[in-house]
Amino acid sequence: MAQFTRVQMAQLLFFLRERDIAKALLVVKDVLSSMRSSGQSDSSSREATDFLGGGVGRAIRDGQIVGHPVPPILEKLMNLSQGSKADIGFSISDIVALGNQMEFTDFSVTTVQNWVKRDVKELIATPQSGKKYSVEQVATIFIIEDFKSSLDFDAIRRVMGLIFNDPTSDEDDIIHPVDFLAAYSSIFEELRMKGTPIDEVAQRAHELVSRMDHLTEEEQSTVERALVIAVLTLQASNFQLAAKTLASTTILSKRLI
């Protein structure tokens, strides 16, 4: 499975929205190439599909073109025509398949169906690309997926309603969903690239455990890992609380205006 970062997924959606298919495929190629170079998967999965050099099923490994299957959703994107005037649309199955190419996600068809039919249907609206969902609607669903880790559906509806307004039209958005996804993804990626706080937490845990002379080396390792897990769990809870508090104050301030 490909592992798009949020930034890469936002780039892909941006180019699809702008109908720049060639650049969209370059994003996919870069993701698969990075899998090969960073060793994220086994030897057969480290092959990077060379979309521009030969089409579906052709990949680069050690400088050679070899056969390698790609996820069907990415294969579908490859078949898009650069000059086509037809709207680019996604079925719910397409959205789930594309979303699961992204790191830190676990989409299911049932979940997304519940969102579009009941839970947050007013944020997503009915399909805007014929019988399928538009690129902006796909971005909206990805944003909901990120928000739901900290916010309930009521808070999600209120916060997203402040910036996207009427989901049936892009004209009144303060910022479009694709652009909003790109914005917060870039901030997240910048902070992650600094190597904190996980690296610092691990270092502090190691320093603390190294003073526990009564423990065996294996026991120290176990305690060290448990400490890191506990600290990161607590930190995640703090982040969730901060997100919920900010969402509440944002909603309240809007009511007072």
Protein backbone atom coordinates (compact mmCIF):
# COMPACT_ATOMS: atom_id res chain seq x y z
CA MET A 1 0.00 0.00 0.00
CA ALA A 2 1.23 3.47 -0.86
CA GLN A 3 1.75 5.82 2.07
CA PHE A 4 0.88 9.39 1.16
CA THR A 5 1.59 12.04 3.74
CA ARG A 6 -1.18 14.58 4.26
CA VAL A 7 0.86 17.09 2.26
CA GLN A 8 1.25 14.72 -0.67
CA MET A 9 -2.44 13.86 -0.64
CA ALA A 10 -3.34 17.56 -0.59
CA GLN A 11 -1.00 18.10 -3.56
CA LEU A 12 -2.64 15.26 -5.45
CA LEU A 13 -6.13 16.64 -4.81
CA PHE A 14 -5.01 20.16 -5.74
CA PHE A 15 -3.68 19.05 -9.13
CA LEU A 16 -6.78 16.93 -9.77
CA ARG A 17 -8.96 19.92 -8.94
CA GLU A 18 -6.95 22.02 -11.39
CA ARG A 19 -7.14 19.19 -13.96
CA ASP A 20 -3.35 19.03 -14.16
CA ILE A 21 -3.22 15.25 -14.52
CA ALA A 22 0.49 15.12 -15.38
CA LYS A 23 1.46 16.80 -12.11
CA ALA A 24 -1.00 14.67 -10.16
CA LEU A 25 0.69 11.54 -11.50
CA LEU A 26 4.09 12.94 -10.58
CA VAL A 27 2.93 13.16 -6.96
CA VAL A 28 1.93 9.48 -7.05
CA LYS A 29 5.25 8.54 -8.66
CA ASP A 30 7.18 10.40 -5.95
CA VAL A 31 5.28 8.56 -3.20
CA LEU A 32 5.98 5.15 -4.66
CA SER A 33 9.60 6.08 -5.31
CA SER A 34 10.06 7.13 -1.68
CA MET A 35 8.68 3.77 -0.57
CA ARG A 36 11.45 2.05 -2.47
CA SER A 37 14.22 4.30 -1.18
CA SER A 38 13.11 4.32 2.47
CA GLY A 39 12.35 0.61 2.66
CA GLN A 40 8.81 1.00 4.00
CA SER A 41 7.79 -2.39 2.63
CA ASP A 42 9.19 -5.72 1.52
CA SER A 43 11.44 -6.14 -1.51
CA SER A 44 8.59 -6.65 -3.96
CA SER A 45 6.71 -3.60 -2.68
CA ARG A 46 9.76 -1.36 -2.87
CA GLU A 47 9.25 -1.08 -6.60
CA ALA A 48 8.20 2.41 -7.61
CA THR A 49 5.74 2.65 -10.43
CA ASP A 50 7.02 4.78 -13.28
CA PHE A 51 3.75 6.22 -14.51
CA LEU A 52 5.22 8.54 -17.09
CA GLY A 53 7.64 5.97 -18.48
CA GLY A 54 5.33 3.17 -19.46
CA GLY A 55 1.93 3.00 -17.79
CA VAL A 56 0.16 0.64 -15.44
CA GLY A 57 2.09 -2.28 -14.05
CA ARG A 58 5.54 -1.00 -15.03
CA ALA A 59 7.87 -0.15 -12.21
CA ILE A 60 11.45 0.82 -11.46
CA ARG A 61 13.62 -1.35 -9.28
CA ASP A 62 17.40 -0.93 -9.17
CA GLY A 63 17.14 1.07 -12.37
CA GLN A 64 15.28 -1.65 -14.28
CA ILE A 65 11.68 -1.65 -15.52
CA VAL A 66 9.81 -4.59 -14.00
CA GLY A 67 6.18 -5.65 -13.69
CA HIS A 68 4.45 -4.57 -10.50
CA PRO A 69 0.75 -4.05 -9.71
CA VAL A 70 -0.41 -0.75 -8.32
CA PRO A 71 -3.49 -0.11 -6.15
CA PRO A 72 -6.61 0.00 -8.37
CA ILE A 73 -7.49 3.53 -7.26
CA LEU A 74 -4.08 4.80 -8.42
CA GLU A 75 -4.46 2.82 -11.63
CA LYS A 76 -7.79 4.58 -12.15
CA LEU A 77 -6.12 7.98 -11.75
CA MET A 78 -3.55 6.98 -14.36
CA ASN A 79 -6.30 6.47 -16.88
CA LEU A 80 -7.50 10.06 -16.56
CA SER A 81 -6.97 12.09 -19.71
CA GLN A 82 -5.09 15.39 -19.46
CA GLY A 83 -7.36 17.17 -21.91
CA SER A 84 -10.66 15.71 -20.76
CA LYS A 85 -13.38 18.20 -19.90
CA ALA A 86 -15.37 15.66 -17.90
CA ASP A 87 -15.67 16.27 -14.17
CA ILE A 88 -13.34 14.22 -12.00
CA GLY A 89 -15.54 12.27 -9.61
CA PHE A 90 -15.12 9.66 -6.91
CA SER A 91 -17.51 7.00 -5.65
CA ILE A 92 -17.56 6.21 -1.94
CA SER A 93 -15.46 3.13 -2.66
CA ASP A 94 -12.96 5.31 -4.52
CA ILE A 95 -12.77 7.74 -1.60
CA VAL A 96 -12.17 4.93 0.89
CA ALA A 97 -9.52 3.35 -1.34
CA LEU A 98 -7.74 6.67 -1.84
CA GLY A 99 -8.00 7.63 1.82
CA ASN A 100 -6.42 4.36 2.87
CA GLN A 101 -3.37 5.14 0.75
CA MET A 102 -2.71 7.91 3.29
CA GLU A 103 -0.84 7.42 6.55
CA PHE A 104 -2.69 7.38 9.90
CA THR A 105 -6.07 6.47 8.37
CA ASP A 106 -8.44 3.54 8.55
CA PHE A 107 -11.40 4.31 6.28
CA SER A 108 -14.24 1.88 5.69
CA VAL A 109 -17.08 2.07 3.19
CA THR A 110 -19.64 1.70 5.98
CA THR A 111 -18.18 4.61 7.94
CA VAL A 112 -18.13 6.99 4.98
CA GLN A 113 -21.64 5.94 3.96
CA ASN A 114 -22.83 6.81 7.46
CA TRP A 115 -21.16 10.21 7.20
CA VAL A 116 -22.71 11.13 3.85
CA LYS A 117 -26.16 9.78 4.73
CA ARG A 118 -26.48 10.74 8.39
CA ASP A 119 -23.66 11.91 10.67
CA VAL A 120 -22.29 14.90 8.75
CA LYS A 121 -24.28 14.86 5.54
CA GLU A 122 -24.80 18.63 5.70
CA LEU A 123 -21.02 19.15 5.45
CA ILE A 124 -20.53 16.85 2.48
CA ALA A 125 -23.80 17.38 0.59
CA THR A 126 -24.98 15.23 -2.31
CA PRO A 127 -22.56 14.18 -5.06
CA GLN A 128 -21.51 17.22 -7.07
CA SER A 129 -19.74 15.49 -9.95
CA GLY A 130 -22.64 13.75 -11.64
CA LYS A 131 -23.40 10.77 -9.40
CA LYS A 132 -19.98 10.96 -7.81
CA TYR A 133 -18.26 13.19 -5.28
CA SER A 134 -16.04 16.08 -6.34
CA VAL A 135 -12.40 16.59 -5.40
CA GLU A 136 -13.41 19.23 -2.84
CA GLN A 137 -15.88 16.79 -1.29
CA VAL A 138 -13.15 14.16 -1.07
CA ALA A 139 -10.97 16.69 0.79
CA THR A 140 -13.88 17.44 3.12
CA ILE A 141 -14.18 13.77 4.01
CA PHE A 142 -10.45 13.54 4.69
CA ILE A 143 -10.67 16.59 6.97
CA ILE A 144 -13.56 15.02 8.88
CA GLU A 145 -11.45 11.90 9.36
CA ASP A 146 -8.71 14.00 10.97
CA PHE A 147 -11.08 16.04 13.13
CA LYS A 148 -13.00 13.06 14.49
CA SER A 149 -10.01 11.85 16.53
CA SER A 150 -10.56 14.80 18.88
CA LEU A 151 -13.98 16.31 18.17
CA ASP A 152 -17.51 14.95 18.20
CA PHE A 153 -19.70 15.36 15.14
CA ASP A 154 -21.52 18.38 16.53
CA ALA A 155 -18.25 20.27 17.05
CA ILE A 156 -16.99 19.16 13.63
CA ARG A 157 -20.15 20.47 11.97
CA ARG A 158 -19.88 23.82 13.73
CA VAL A 159 -16.16 24.37 13.13
CA MET A 160 -16.20 23.32 9.49
CA GLY A 161 -19.41 25.25 8.93
CA LEU A 162 -17.59 28.44 9.91
CA ILE A 163 -15.05 28.14 7.07
CA PHE A 164 -16.84 26.17 4.35
CA ASN A 165 -20.35 27.59 4.72
CA ASP A 166 -22.66 26.07 2.08
CA PRO A 167 -21.21 22.69 1.02
CA THR A 168 -23.24 22.71 -2.20
CA SER A 169 -21.22 25.68 -3.45
CA ASP A 170 -17.52 26.53 -3.36
CA GLU A 171 -18.20 30.22 -3.96
CA ASP A 172 -18.86 31.17 -0.33
CA ASP A 173 -16.00 29.21 1.26
CA ILE A 174 -13.59 31.25 3.36
CA ILE A 175 -11.06 28.67 2.27
CA HIS A 176 -11.71 25.66 0.05
CA PRO A 177 -11.41 22.18 1.61
CA VAL A 178 -8.44 21.17 -0.56
CA ASP A 179 -6.58 24.34 0.42
CA PHE A 180 -7.47 23.92 4.11
CA LEU A 181 -6.19 20.33 4.03
CA ALA A 182 -2.97 21.53 2.41
CA ALA A 183 -2.53 24.31 4.98
CA TYR A 184 -2.80 22.27 8.18
CA SER A 185 -0.92 19.36 6.60
CA SER A 186 2.05 21.60 5.86
CA ILE A 187 2.14 22.79 9.49
CA PHE A 188 1.95 19.21 10.78
CA GLU A 189 4.69 18.05 8.41
CA GLU A 190 6.96 20.96 9.36
CA LEU A 191 6.65 20.15 13.06
CA ARG A 192 7.16 16.44 12.46
CA MET A 193 10.31 17.05 10.42
CA LYS A 194 11.92 18.73 13.44
CA GLY A 195 12.07 15.34 15.14
CA THR A 196 10.17 16.45 18.23
CA PRO A 197 8.60 15.63 20.53
CA ILE A 198 8.98 11.86 20.07
CA ASP A 199 12.78 11.95 19.83
CA GLU A 200 13.02 14.09 22.95
CA VAL A 201 10.59 11.86 24.85
CA ALA A 202 12.56 8.75 23.92
CA GLN A 203 15.83 10.38 24.98
CA ARG A 204 14.45 11.48 28.34
CA ALA A 205 13.01 8.01 28.99
CA HIS A 206 16.34 6.42 28.14
CA GLU A 207 18.20 8.76 30.51
CA LEU A 208 15.77 8.03 33.33
CA VAL A 209 15.79 4.26 32.90
CA SER A 210 19.58 4.10 32.61
CA ARG A 211 19.71 5.11 36.29
CA MET A 212 17.63 2.09 37.31
CA ASP A 213 20.62 -0.10 38.08
CA HIS A 214 18.53 -2.80 39.73
CA LEU A 215 16.88 -3.68 36.41
CA THR A 216 18.29 -6.01 33.80
CA GLU A 217 18.98 -4.65 30.32
CA GLU A 218 15.84 -6.31 29.00
CA GLU A 219 13.76 -4.90 31.86
CA GLN A 220 15.17 -1.42 31.27
CA SER A 221 14.21 -1.66 27.61
CA THR A 222 10.67 -2.71 28.53
CA VAL A 223 10.26 0.12 31.05
CA GLU A 224 11.73 2.64 28.59
CA ARG A 225 9.24 1.72 25.87
CA ALA A 226 6.35 1.78 28.35
CA LEU A 227 7.39 5.25 29.52
CA VAL A 228 7.44 6.58 25.96
CA ILE A 229 4.01 5.09 25.29
CA ALA A 230 2.61 6.63 28.49
CA VAL A 231 4.05 10.09 27.78
CA LEU A 232 2.85 10.11 24.16
CA THR A 233 -0.60 8.93 25.24
CA LEU A 234 -0.79 11.73 27.80
CA GLN A 235 0.45 14.23 25.23
CA ALA A 236 -2.17 13.06 22.73
CA SER A 237 -4.84 13.56 25.38
CA ASN A 238 -3.57 17.08 26.02
CA PHE A 239 -3.67 17.84 22.31
CA GLN A 240 -7.21 16.50 22.10
CA LEU A 241 -8.27 18.64 25.05
CA ALA A 242 -6.63 21.70 23.48
CA ALA A 243 -8.40 21.03 20.18
CA LYS A 244 -11.78 20.60 21.90
CA THR A 245 -11.29 23.76 23.99
CA LEU A 246 -10.31 25.83 20.96
CA ALA A 247 -13.24 24.46 18.98
CA SER A 248 -15.64 25.39 21.78
CA THR A 249 -14.31 28.93 22.15
CA THR A 250 -14.34 29.43 18.37
CA ILE A 251 -17.96 28.33 18.14
CA LEU A 252 -18.94 30.46 21.14
CA SER A 253 -17.18 33.58 19.82
CA LYS A 254 -18.98 33.20 16.51
CA ARG A 255 -22.32 33.09 18.30
CA LEU A 256 -21.54 36.32 20.12
CA ILE A 257 -20.75 38.25 16.95
